Amino acid sequence: MSELLPNYIAGRWVAGTGSGTPLFDPVTGDELVRVDATGLDLPGAFAFARDTGGAQLRAMTYAQRAELLVGIGAVLQKHRDAYYALSLANSGTVKNDTAVDVDGAIYTLGQYARWGAAIGQSTGERRFLLDGEAVKLSKEPVFQSQHVQVPTPGVALCINAFNFPAWGLWEKAAPALLSGVPVIVKPGTATAWLTQRMVQDVVDAGILPPGALSIVCGSSAGLLDQLQSFDVLSFTGSAETAAVIRRHAAVAERSVRVNIEADSLNSALLLPGAAPGSEAFELLIKEVAREMTVKSGQKCTAIRRVLVPADVYGAVAEAVSARLAKTTVGNPRNEAVRMGALVSRAQKAAVHEGLALLKTQTEVLHDGARHALVDADPATSCCVGPTLLGTRDADGANLVHDTEVFGPVATLVACRDLPHALALARRGQGSLVASVYGADAGALAGAALALAASHGRVHVVSPEVAATHSGHGNVMPQSLHGGPGRAGGGEELGGLRALNFYHRRAAIQAGSAVLGALG
């Protein structure tokens, strides 16, 4: 039997009392380690995080907490090679895909460390943030109102998905810790090993005060029951689980602040007039193929629908298929492989099920099943080739606009005109991101604004940014991550906007002398 990874709660490592859930290598099928959260003292863990970790964090200045992030980043950089090895073994990722997760995590930490240092310069010894200028409440400017933001005196419970075990931890924990709020992370079980190892390295380095960072691996049973009114919950996962969270007493009765990132049918739109061979056309082709294959399509921001003018449908299908055909799929230990595995057999089964459903309303333009796997046994591995589907009946193919297949799958959709394409993008009922491709600045700006209400981020790609844009699916800490409707209605990152979730805003109404004494 493989090693049972311990949990870290109340300032100590604690093993679950059960036999544990095994984690596997998704390419070879070998059992790696096990995780278990049975029998943990969750009330004690949450109380310790609030009372010990939270108190010590809030006693620090923003500048001091920014230095904590600097220290964490240094530890992660030191052990970067080990994280790459764990990602390959437990997530089945090629090096470039691991970089998106591990290096993306380190980069995000670094950004919040720099932003925190800047806050520290402006706040000095002050342990709260001013929110706007003081405004007078009476005829004479003696009695005024000053809005402030103070760290919430609770804990941040972060429940993460399986696809980003590194970045998923630190994109939530960095703004929380900078705000002065302790973090309890529950990673996605299938890939929890990398998250657990990162927490272990940070704990061993002695950077954070006791209780500032905890991890529970395995089942999430009982975690939500511990949440109190001043705690916050950040969740990334399925819409089904999100609905359960919203109905939980912690949210429905105790008003625990919750941020949710759920399902998303993200779109890529090609503007009319971008003819085959044009730079805008080629930029779309390149990005669609890349988004379908990076992390084997296991990104919440990946392109799921490709909305193009009907007259270039065939040309787009041919061009994307040609790129996909060059993608080698299989064991990431082989240097020739460019796309690794899905994270588990359950995920592989879900992708096949979703594909079968979509095929009832689409045609197969590029069949992933025709990819011969490299150094991987189709019977035991979780490797799936990239598949491009297509439909010329955009309005009738309702499943395309309702079903997200979380893998290397996208559907090409023929559109009558730009208003039709925009309407189809909005038919996704709220998405994390849409990307728009074209060369006319005015048309691109108009499309971006038309999509803004239904998308958390609009990524506009024109020839002028061909070499510099960050990519449709890359979540940059400077920009908002989240989306309305079925995407969960949440907001993460967005620079210092992320700190709002971990602070409480209040209006202090007082005389000028009192407000001046606030600092």
Protein backbone atom coordinates (compact mmCIF):
# COMPACT_ATOMS: atom_id res chain seq x y z
CA MET A 1 0.00 0.00 0.00
CA SER A 2 1.28 3.48 -0.93
CA GLU A 3 2.18 6.29 1.48
CA LEU A 4 -0.66 8.15 3.20
CA LEU A 5 -0.10 11.91 2.92
CA PRO A 6 -0.76 13.80 6.17
CA ASN A 7 -2.95 16.87 6.51
CA TYR A 8 -1.68 20.07 8.14
CA ILE A 9 -4.15 21.58 10.63
CA ALA A 10 -3.88 23.46 13.92
CA GLY A 11 -0.15 23.87 13.37
CA ARG A 12 0.67 20.16 13.10
CA TRP A 13 0.69 17.28 10.63
CA VAL A 14 -2.16 14.84 11.16
CA ALA A 15 -2.94 11.66 9.26
CA GLY A 16 -6.51 10.66 8.54
CA THR A 17 -7.79 7.58 10.32
CA GLY A 18 -9.14 5.89 7.18
CA SER A 19 -7.38 3.76 4.58
CA GLY A 20 -7.35 6.71 2.18
CA THR A 21 -8.14 7.44 -1.46
CA PRO A 22 -5.39 6.43 -3.89
CA LEU A 23 -3.88 8.89 -6.36
CA PHE A 24 -2.65 7.47 -9.66
CA ASP A 25 -0.25 8.16 -12.49
CA PRO A 26 -2.77 8.82 -15.30
CA VAL A 27 -0.39 7.47 -17.95
CA THR A 28 0.86 4.24 -16.38
CA GLY A 29 -2.00 3.61 -13.95
CA ASP A 30 0.44 3.12 -11.05
CA GLU A 31 -0.75 4.04 -7.54
CA LEU A 32 1.36 6.89 -6.18
CA VAL A 33 0.12 7.97 -2.73
CA ARG A 34 -3.13 8.11 -0.77
CA VAL A 35 -5.01 10.97 0.89
CA ASP A 36 -7.51 10.87 3.72
CA ALA A 37 -9.31 13.39 5.93
CA THR A 38 -11.24 10.95 8.09
CA GLY A 39 -11.32 11.71 11.81
CA LEU A 40 -9.78 15.18 11.67
CA ASP A 41 -10.68 17.71 14.35
CA LEU A 42 -12.15 20.24 11.95
CA PRO A 43 -13.71 22.53 14.61
CA GLY A 44 -10.32 22.74 16.29
CA ALA A 45 -8.57 23.35 12.96
CA PHE A 46 -10.83 26.25 12.03
CA ALA A 47 -10.68 27.77 15.51
CA PHE A 48 -6.87 27.60 15.53
CA ALA A 49 -6.68 29.24 12.10
CA ARG A 50 -9.04 32.06 13.14
CA ASP A 51 -7.71 32.71 16.63
CA THR A 52 -4.00 32.01 16.22
CA GLY A 53 -3.18 32.37 12.55
CA GLY A 54 -5.58 35.22 11.89
CA ALA A 55 -4.54 37.22 14.94
CA GLN A 56 -0.86 37.02 14.04
CA LEU A 57 -1.44 37.92 10.41
CA ARG A 58 -3.63 40.91 11.28
CA ALA A 59 -0.98 42.15 13.71
CA MET A 60 1.39 42.57 10.76
CA THR A 61 1.46 45.48 8.34
CA TYR A 62 0.74 45.05 4.65
CA ALA A 63 4.46 45.42 3.95
CA GLN A 64 5.29 42.63 6.40
CA ARG A 65 2.71 40.33 4.87
CA ALA A 66 4.09 41.13 1.42
CA GLU A 67 7.47 39.90 2.67
CA LEU A 68 5.81 36.61 3.63
CA LEU A 69 4.77 36.20 -0.01
CA VAL A 70 8.32 36.94 -1.12
CA GLY A 71 9.54 34.17 1.17
CA ILE A 72 6.95 31.71 -0.10
CA GLY A 73 7.89 32.47 -3.68
CA ALA A 74 11.56 31.81 -2.92
CA VAL A 75 10.73 28.43 -1.37
CA LEU A 76 8.60 27.41 -4.34
CA GLN A 77 11.31 28.46 -6.78
CA LYS A 78 13.86 26.39 -4.83
CA HIS A 79 11.73 23.24 -5.15
CA ARG A 80 10.47 23.95 -8.69
CA ASP A 81 12.07 20.84 -10.22
CA ALA A 82 10.38 18.61 -7.66
CA TYR A 83 7.01 20.15 -8.49
CA TYR A 84 7.57 19.47 -12.18
CA ALA A 85 8.24 15.81 -11.35
CA LEU A 86 5.11 15.55 -9.21
CA SER A 87 2.98 17.19 -11.90
CA LEU A 88 4.24 14.78 -14.52
CA ALA A 89 3.58 11.78 -12.26
CA ASN A 90 0.19 12.77 -10.83
CA SER A 91 -1.29 14.99 -13.56
CA GLY A 92 0.33 13.51 -16.65
CA THR A 93 1.42 16.90 -17.97
CA VAL A 94 4.16 17.81 -20.43
CA LYS A 95 6.66 20.47 -19.32
CA ASN A 96 4.91 23.37 -21.02
CA ASP A 97 1.64 22.47 -19.31
CA THR A 98 3.32 22.13 -15.93
CA ALA A 99 4.78 25.60 -16.44
CA VAL A 100 1.28 27.05 -16.78
CA ASP A 101 0.48 25.67 -13.33
CA VAL A 102 3.72 25.84 -11.34
CA ASP A 103 5.39 28.87 -12.89
CA GLY A 104 2.01 30.60 -13.07
CA ALA A 105 1.69 30.12 -9.31
CA ILE A 106 5.15 31.56 -8.63
CA TYR A 107 4.48 34.51 -10.93
CA THR A 108 1.15 35.27 -9.25
CA LEU A 109 2.77 35.20 -5.81
CA GLY A 110 5.45 37.55 -7.02
CA GLN A 111 2.92 40.00 -8.38
CA TYR A 112 0.99 40.15 -5.11
CA ALA A 113 4.25 40.52 -3.20
CA ARG A 114 5.12 43.56 -5.31
CA TRP A 115 1.64 45.04 -5.04
CA GLY A 116 1.69 44.43 -1.30
CA ALA A 117 5.01 46.23 -0.95
CA ALA A 118 3.49 49.22 -2.76
CA ILE A 119 0.49 49.17 -0.41
CA GLY A 120 2.91 49.03 2.50
CA GLN A 121 4.65 52.18 1.33
CA SER A 122 1.37 54.09 1.31
CA THR A 123 -0.13 52.64 4.50
CA GLY A 124 2.95 52.46 6.72
CA GLU A 125 1.94 51.08 10.11
CA ARG A 126 -1.77 51.24 9.31
CA ARG A 127 -3.52 47.86 9.40
CA PHE A 128 -6.48 48.85 7.23
CA LEU A 129 -7.17 50.45 3.85
CA LEU A 130 -8.91 53.72 3.14
CA ASP A 131 -11.72 53.46 0.61
CA GLY A 132 -12.13 56.81 -1.09
CA GLU A 133 -12.07 60.27 0.45
CA ALA A 134 -13.99 61.44 3.49
CA VAL A 135 -17.28 63.16 2.60
CA LYS A 136 -19.18 65.63 4.76
CA LEU A 137 -22.53 64.64 6.25
CA SER A 138 -23.59 68.06 7.44
CA LYS A 139 -23.56 71.61 6.14
CA GLU A 140 -20.29 72.30 7.91
CA PRO A 141 -17.41 69.92 7.12
CA VAL A 142 -17.06 68.85 10.73
CA PHE A 143 -19.07 65.62 10.70
CA GLN A 144 -17.91 63.32 7.91
CA SER A 145 -18.01 59.75 6.62
CA GLN A 146 -14.87 57.81 5.79
CA HIS A 147 -15.13 54.34 4.26
CA VAL A 148 -12.47 51.87 5.35
CA GLN A 149 -11.64 48.26 4.55
CA VAL A 150 -10.43 46.01 7.37
CA PRO A 151 -9.31 42.36 7.14
CA THR A 152 -12.18 40.01 7.89
CA PRO A 153 -11.62 38.35 11.31
CA GLY A 154 -12.25 34.88 9.95
CA VAL A 155 -10.69 32.16 7.83
CA ALA A 156 -10.60 31.68 4.06
CA LEU A 157 -11.66 28.18 3.05
CA CYS A 158 -10.39 27.53 -0.48
CA ILE A 159 -11.85 24.50 -2.25
CA ASN A 160 -9.96 23.95 -5.49
CA ALA A 161 -10.36 21.94 -8.67
CA PHE A 162 -8.08 19.14 -9.86
CA ASN A 163 -6.70 20.86 -12.95
CA PHE A 164 -4.46 23.46 -11.26
CA PRO A 165 -3.03 21.99 -8.03
CA ALA A 166 -0.31 24.68 -7.81
CA TRP A 167 -1.79 27.86 -9.29
CA GLY A 168 -5.21 27.09 -7.83
CA LEU A 169 -3.72 27.22 -4.34
CA TRP A 170 -1.65 30.38 -4.65
CA GLU A 171 -3.96 32.53 -6.77
CA LYS A 172 -6.37 32.35 -3.82
CA ALA A 173 -3.89 32.22 -0.95
CA ALA A 174 -1.70 35.13 -2.10
CA PRO A 175 -4.38 37.88 -1.82
CA ALA A 176 -5.84 36.24 1.29
CA LEU A 177 -2.54 36.18 3.17
CA LEU A 178 -1.68 39.68 1.97
CA SER A 179 -5.03 40.81 3.38
CA GLY A 180 -4.27 39.20 6.75
CA VAL A 181 -6.66 36.25 6.45
CA PRO A 182 -5.55 32.66 7.22
CA VAL A 183 -6.13 30.00 4.57
CA ILE A 184 -7.41 26.44 4.77
CA VAL A 185 -7.06 24.77 1.37
CA LYS A 186 -8.91 21.68 0.20
CA PRO A 187 -7.30 20.63 -3.11
CA GLY A 188 -8.97 18.53 -5.79
CA THR A 189 -8.39 14.96 -4.65
CA ALA A 190 -7.08 13.45 -7.90
CA THR A 191 -4.05 15.78 -8.01
CA ALA A 192 -3.70 16.76 -4.35
CA TRP A 193 -0.11 15.55 -4.05
CA LEU A 194 1.43 18.69 -5.58
CA THR A 195 -0.64 21.03 -3.42
CA GLN A 196 0.24 19.05 -0.30
CA ARG A 197 3.94 19.11 -1.17
CA MET A 198 3.93 22.88 -1.70
CA VAL A 199 2.27 23.44 1.68
CA GLN A 200 4.76 21.07 3.29
CA ASP A 201 7.72 22.97 1.84
CA VAL A 202 6.34 26.33 3.02
CA VAL A 203 5.60 24.94 6.49
CA ASP A 204 9.05 23.38 6.76
CA ALA A 205 10.63 26.72 5.84
CA GLY A 206 8.91 28.38 8.83
CA ILE A 207 7.81 31.42 6.84
CA LEU A 208 4.23 31.78 8.03
CA PRO A 209 2.92 32.06 11.58
CA PRO A 210 1.19 28.93 12.92
CA GLY A 211 -2.37 28.63 11.65
CA ALA A 212 -1.85 30.93 8.67
CA LEU A 213 -1.89 28.05 6.15
CA SER A 214 -3.56 24.67 6.54
CA ILE A 215 -4.40 21.84 4.14
CA VAL A 216 -7.04 19.12 4.22
CA CYS A 217 -6.63 16.38 1.60
CA GLY A 218 -9.37 13.92 0.70
CA SER A 219 -13.06 14.34 1.35
CA SER A 220 -14.53 17.80 1.91
CA ALA A 221 -17.19 16.38 4.24
CA GLY A 222 -17.76 18.64 7.23
CA LEU A 223 -15.68 21.57 6.00
CA LEU A 224 -18.59 23.86 5.17
CA ASP A 225 -20.20 23.08 8.54
CA GLN A 226 -17.29 24.85 10.26
CA LEU A 227 -17.80 28.18 8.50
CA GLN A 228 -18.93 31.13 10.61
CA SER A 229 -20.28 34.53 9.66
CA PHE A 230 -16.94 36.29 9.16
CA ASP A 231 -15.31 33.45 7.23
CA VAL A 232 -15.10 33.44 3.44
CA LEU A 233 -15.34 30.56 0.98
CA SER A 234 -13.70 30.46 -2.44
CA PHE A 235 -14.74 27.52 -4.61
CA THR A 236 -13.62 26.32 -8.05
CA GLY A 237 -15.46 23.32 -9.46
CA SER A 238 -18.65 22.08 -11.01
CA ALA A 239 -21.92 24.01 -11.19
CA GLU A 240 -23.61 21.07 -9.48
CA THR A 241 -21.37 21.34 -6.42
CA ALA A 242 -21.67 25.12 -6.50
CA ALA A 243 -25.45 24.80 -6.20
CA VAL A 244 -25.03 22.61 -3.11
CA ILE A 245 -22.71 25.23 -1.59
CA ARG A 246 -25.18 28.04 -2.18
CA ARG A 247 -27.88 26.07 -0.34
CA HIS A 248 -25.66 25.24 2.64
CA ALA A 249 -26.60 26.85 5.94
CA ALA A 250 -23.26 28.64 6.15
CA VAL A 251 -24.14 30.62 3.04
CA ALA A 252 -27.93 30.70 3.19
CA GLU A 253 -28.30 31.39 6.93
CA ARG A 254 -24.95 32.65 8.23
CA SER A 255 -24.22 34.85 5.18
CA VAL A 256 -20.71 33.51 4.68
CA ARG A 257 -19.21 35.41 1.76
CA VAL A 258 -18.71 33.03 -1.14
CA ASN A 259 -16.89 33.27 -4.45
CA ILE A 260 -17.69 30.61 -7.05
CA GLU A 261 -16.08 29.72 -10.33
CA ALA A 262 -18.05 26.99 -12.07
CA ASP A 263 -18.73 25.75 -15.62
CA SER A 264 -17.97 27.86 -18.67
CA LEU A 265 -18.58 27.49 -22.41
CA ASN A 266 -15.95 29.94 -23.56
CA SER A 267 -15.95 31.18 -27.14
CA ALA A 268 -13.54 32.38 -29.80
CA LEU A 269 -15.09 34.71 -32.40
CA LEU A 270 -13.71 35.50 -35.84
CA LEU A 271 -15.00 38.80 -37.20
CA PRO A 272 -16.43 38.95 -40.72
CA GLY A 273 -13.87 39.97 -43.31
CA ALA A 274 -10.98 37.98 -41.82
CA ALA A 275 -10.33 35.90 -44.89
CA PRO A 276 -8.33 32.66 -44.96
CA GLY A 277 -4.65 33.54 -45.05
CA SER A 278 -5.12 36.88 -43.32
CA GLU A 279 -3.18 37.50 -40.11
CA ALA A 280 -6.33 37.62 -37.98
CA PHE A 281 -7.49 34.31 -39.48
CA GLU A 282 -4.16 32.64 -38.73
CA LEU A 283 -4.14 34.01 -35.18
CA LEU A 284 -7.51 32.37 -34.54
CA ILE A 285 -6.34 29.03 -35.94
CA LYS A 286 -3.21 29.04 -33.81
CA GLU A 287 -5.06 29.96 -30.62
CA VAL A 288 -7.86 27.43 -31.07
CA ALA A 289 -5.41 24.58 -31.60
CA ARG A 290 -3.32 25.70 -28.64
CA GLU A 291 -6.30 26.03 -26.30
CA MET A 292 -7.58 22.59 -27.26
CA THR A 293 -4.28 20.92 -26.39
CA VAL A 294 -2.72 22.88 -23.49
CA LYS A 295 -3.22 20.76 -20.35
CA SER A 296 -5.18 18.38 -22.58
CA GLY A 297 -8.02 20.91 -22.66
CA GLN A 298 -8.43 20.73 -18.88
CA LYS A 299 -8.69 24.46 -18.28
CA CYS A 300 -11.78 26.28 -17.11
CA THR A 301 -10.86 29.01 -19.60
CA ALA A 302 -10.27 26.76 -22.62
CA ILE A 303 -12.03 27.50 -25.93
CA ARG A 304 -15.11 25.28 -26.23
CA ARG A 305 -16.94 27.00 -29.12
CA VAL A 306 -15.34 28.54 -32.23
CA LEU A 307 -17.80 31.00 -33.81
CA VAL A 308 -16.91 31.90 -37.39
CA PRO A 309 -18.64 33.36 -40.48
CA ALA A 310 -20.33 30.59 -42.47
CA ASP A 311 -18.28 31.33 -45.59
CA VAL A 312 -15.01 30.38 -43.86
CA TYR A 313 -16.35 27.40 -41.89
CA GLY A 314 -14.65 24.88 -44.19
CA ALA A 315 -11.36 26.77 -44.26
CA VAL A 316 -11.24 27.03 -40.46
CA ALA A 317 -12.08 23.34 -40.08
CA GLU A 318 -9.27 22.38 -42.44
CA ALA A 319 -6.69 24.70 -40.87
CA VAL A 320 -7.40 23.74 -37.23
CA SER A 321 -7.49 20.05 -38.13
CA ALA A 322 -4.11 20.35 -39.84
CA ARG A 323 -2.58 21.80 -36.68
CA LEU A 324 -4.19 19.21 -34.43
CA ALA A 325 -2.95 16.39 -36.64
CA LYS A 326 0.63 17.39 -35.75
CA THR A 327 -0.03 17.04 -32.01
CA THR A 328 1.68 13.99 -30.54
CA VAL A 329 -0.27 12.50 -27.64
CA GLY A 330 0.95 10.11 -24.97
CA ASN A 331 3.46 9.69 -22.17
CA PRO A 332 4.96 13.10 -21.25
CA ARG A 333 8.21 11.36 -20.31
CA ASN A 334 8.82 10.99 -24.04
CA GLU A 335 10.35 14.18 -25.45
CA ALA A 336 8.36 13.79 -28.67
CA VAL A 337 5.03 14.09 -26.85
CA ARG A 338 3.30 17.48 -26.94
CA MET A 339 0.06 16.60 -25.11
CA GLY A 340 -0.18 14.39 -22.05
CA ALA A 341 -3.07 12.74 -20.27
CA LEU A 342 -6.32 13.61 -18.60
CA VAL A 343 -5.92 13.44 -14.83
CA SER A 344 -7.95 10.29 -14.14
CA ARG A 345 -9.95 7.46 -15.61
CA ALA A 346 -13.10 9.10 -14.29
CA GLN A 347 -12.23 12.24 -16.24
CA LYS A 348 -11.49 10.18 -19.35
CA ALA A 349 -14.88 8.51 -19.06
CA ALA A 350 -16.58 11.89 -18.63
CA VAL A 351 -14.89 13.23 -21.78
CA HIS A 352 -15.96 10.21 -23.82
CA GLU A 353 -19.51 10.56 -22.51
CA GLY A 354 -19.62 14.25 -23.36
CA LEU A 355 -18.19 13.62 -26.82
CA ALA A 356 -20.82 11.00 -27.54
CA LEU A 357 -23.52 13.48 -26.56
CA LEU A 358 -22.18 16.32 -28.70
CA LYS A 359 -21.74 14.01 -31.69
CA THR A 360 -25.51 13.56 -31.85
CA GLN A 361 -25.77 17.18 -33.08
CA THR A 362 -22.40 17.75 -34.75
CA GLU A 363 -20.05 16.36 -37.37
CA VAL A 364 -16.52 15.17 -36.57
CA LEU A 365 -13.99 17.44 -38.27
CA HIS A 366 -10.89 16.02 -36.60
CA ASP A 367 -11.14 12.68 -34.80
CA GLY A 368 -8.95 12.43 -31.74
CA ALA A 369 -9.32 8.68 -31.73
CA ARG A 370 -7.08 8.55 -34.79
CA HIS A 371 -4.06 9.79 -32.83
CA ALA A 372 -1.69 6.93 -32.09
CA LEU A 373 -0.50 7.19 -28.49
CA VAL A 374 3.24 7.46 -27.89
CA ASP A 375 4.63 5.24 -25.10
CA ALA A 376 1.16 4.88 -23.58
CA ASP A 377 -1.19 1.93 -23.45
CA PRO A 378 -4.71 2.92 -24.56
CA ALA A 379 -6.13 0.30 -22.20
CA THR A 380 -4.59 1.77 -19.06
CA SER A 381 -3.67 5.37 -19.77
CA CYS A 382 -5.97 8.40 -19.58
CA CYS A 383 -4.72 9.87 -22.86
CA VAL A 384 -7.31 11.25 -25.29
CA GLY A 385 -6.55 12.81 -28.65
CA PRO A 386 -7.86 16.30 -29.54
CA THR A 387 -11.24 16.29 -31.27
CA LEU A 388 -12.75 19.11 -33.31
CA LEU A 389 -16.50 18.89 -33.89
CA GLY A 390 -18.57 21.19 -36.08
CA THR A 391 -22.08 22.32 -36.90
CA ARG A 392 -23.60 24.53 -39.57
CA ASP A 393 -26.89 24.53 -37.64
CA ALA A 394 -25.84 26.95 -34.90
CA ASP A 395 -29.33 27.56 -33.59
CA GLY A 396 -30.53 23.97 -33.65
CA ALA A 397 -27.46 22.40 -32.03
CA ASN A 398 -28.52 23.31 -28.50
CA LEU A 399 -26.16 20.82 -26.83
CA VAL A 400 -23.16 22.74 -28.17
CA HIS A 401 -24.24 25.78 -26.17
CA ASP A 402 -25.18 23.82 -23.05
CA THR A 403 -22.59 21.04 -22.66
CA GLU A 404 -18.99 21.57 -21.58
CA VAL A 405 -16.66 18.66 -22.28
CA PHE A 406 -13.69 19.21 -19.96
CA GLY A 407 -10.96 17.93 -22.23
CA PRO A 408 -9.35 18.44 -25.66
CA VAL A 409 -12.66 19.09 -27.39
CA ALA A 410 -14.05 22.13 -29.19
CA THR A 411 -16.91 22.73 -31.61
CA LEU A 412 -16.73 24.89 -34.74
CA VAL A 413 -19.97 26.82 -35.29
CA ALA A 414 -21.03 28.57 -38.52
CA CYS A 415 -22.63 32.00 -37.95
CA ARG A 416 -24.73 34.15 -40.29
CA ASP A 417 -23.20 37.47 -39.23
CA LEU A 418 -21.60 39.23 -36.28
CA PRO A 419 -24.85 39.85 -34.34
CA HIS A 420 -25.59 36.13 -34.67
CA ALA A 421 -22.11 35.22 -33.37
CA LEU A 422 -22.46 37.59 -30.41
CA ALA A 423 -25.87 36.13 -29.57
CA LEU A 424 -24.44 32.61 -29.67
CA ALA A 425 -21.57 33.59 -27.37
CA ARG A 426 -24.13 34.94 -24.88
CA ARG A 427 -26.12 31.70 -25.26
CA GLY A 428 -23.46 30.12 -23.08
CA GLN A 429 -25.33 31.82 -20.17
CA GLY A 430 -22.24 33.53 -18.82
CA SER A 431 -18.62 32.56 -19.41
CA LEU A 432 -15.18 33.21 -18.01
CA VAL A 433 -13.67 34.46 -21.26
CA ALA A 434 -14.35 35.14 -24.92
CA SER A 435 -11.66 35.99 -27.45
CA VAL A 436 -12.28 38.07 -30.58
CA TYR A 437 -10.09 38.04 -33.70
CA GLY A 438 -9.97 40.66 -36.44
CA ALA A 439 -8.12 43.66 -37.81
CA ASP A 440 -10.67 46.50 -37.57
CA ALA A 441 -10.12 48.31 -34.26
CA GLY A 442 -13.61 49.80 -34.21
CA ALA A 443 -15.32 46.47 -34.91
CA LEU A 444 -13.18 44.72 -32.31
CA ALA A 445 -13.96 47.35 -29.69
CA GLY A 446 -17.68 47.11 -30.42
CA ALA A 447 -17.64 43.31 -30.15
CA ALA A 448 -15.68 43.48 -26.88
CA LEU A 449 -18.22 45.80 -25.28
CA ALA A 450 -21.09 43.66 -26.56
CA LEU A 451 -19.57 40.63 -24.83
CA ALA A 452 -18.51 42.37 -21.62
CA ALA A 453 -21.79 41.89 -19.73
CA SER A 454 -21.78 38.13 -20.23
CA HIS A 455 -18.06 37.42 -19.80
CA GLY A 456 -15.57 38.06 -17.02
CA ARG A 457 -12.81 38.73 -19.51
CA VAL A 458 -12.77 39.66 -23.22
CA HIS A 459 -9.47 38.88 -24.94
CA VAL A 460 -9.08 40.86 -28.16
CA VAL A 461 -6.48 39.64 -30.64
CA SER A 462 -5.49 41.82 -33.59
CA PRO A 463 -2.32 41.81 -35.71
CA GLU A 464 -0.76 44.54 -33.55
CA VAL A 465 -0.69 42.23 -30.49
CA ALA A 466 0.11 39.03 -32.37
CA ALA A 467 3.49 38.63 -30.64
CA THR A 468 2.57 40.05 -27.24
CA HIS A 469 -0.92 38.92 -26.20
CA SER A 470 -1.03 36.60 -23.21
CA GLY A 471 -3.37 34.00 -24.70
CA HIS A 472 -7.08 33.32 -24.58
CA GLY A 473 -6.90 30.88 -21.69
CA ASN A 474 -4.03 32.29 -19.62
CA VAL A 475 -5.31 33.86 -16.40
CA MET A 476 -3.10 36.83 -15.58
CA PRO A 477 -3.22 38.18 -12.01
CA GLN A 478 -3.55 41.73 -13.36
CA SER A 479 -6.94 40.90 -14.93
CA LEU A 480 -10.24 39.72 -13.52
CA HIS A 481 -10.86 35.98 -13.36
CA GLY A 482 -14.48 34.92 -13.03
CA GLY A 483 -17.71 35.30 -14.90
CA PRO A 484 -21.46 35.81 -14.56
CA GLY A 485 -24.25 33.26 -14.82
CA ARG A 486 -23.27 29.64 -15.22
CA ALA A 487 -19.60 30.64 -14.78
CA GLY A 488 -20.42 31.15 -11.09
CA GLY A 489 -20.86 34.89 -10.72
CA GLY A 490 -17.52 35.25 -8.97
CA GLU A 491 -14.46 37.47 -9.22
CA GLU A 492 -10.86 36.58 -8.42
CA LEU A 493 -7.55 38.34 -9.06
CA GLY A 494 -7.83 41.58 -11.05
CA GLY A 495 -4.84 43.08 -9.29
CA LEU A 496 -5.63 44.61 -5.91
CA ARG A 497 -9.36 44.08 -6.53
CA ALA A 498 -8.76 40.57 -5.17
CA LEU A 499 -8.21 42.03 -1.70
CA ASN A 500 -11.82 43.25 -1.56
CA PHE A 501 -13.06 39.69 -1.01
CA TYR A 502 -10.95 39.34 2.15
CA HIS A 503 -11.75 42.76 3.63
CA ARG A 504 -14.92 44.17 5.20
CA ARG A 505 -15.99 47.63 4.15
CA ALA A 506 -17.46 49.96 6.75
CA ALA A 507 -18.32 53.65 6.94
CA ILE A 508 -16.93 55.46 9.96
CA GLN A 509 -18.99 58.58 10.69
CA ALA A 510 -17.22 60.99 13.00
CA GLY A 511 -15.74 64.41 13.44
CA SER A 512 -12.70 65.55 11.55
CA ALA A 513 -10.41 65.04 14.53
CA VAL A 514 -11.49 61.43 14.99
CA LEU A 515 -11.13 60.63 11.32
CA GLY A 516 -7.70 62.23 11.34
CA ALA A 517 -6.71 60.02 14.26
CA LEU A 518 -7.48 56.92 12.19
CA GLY A 519 -4.23 57.48 10.37
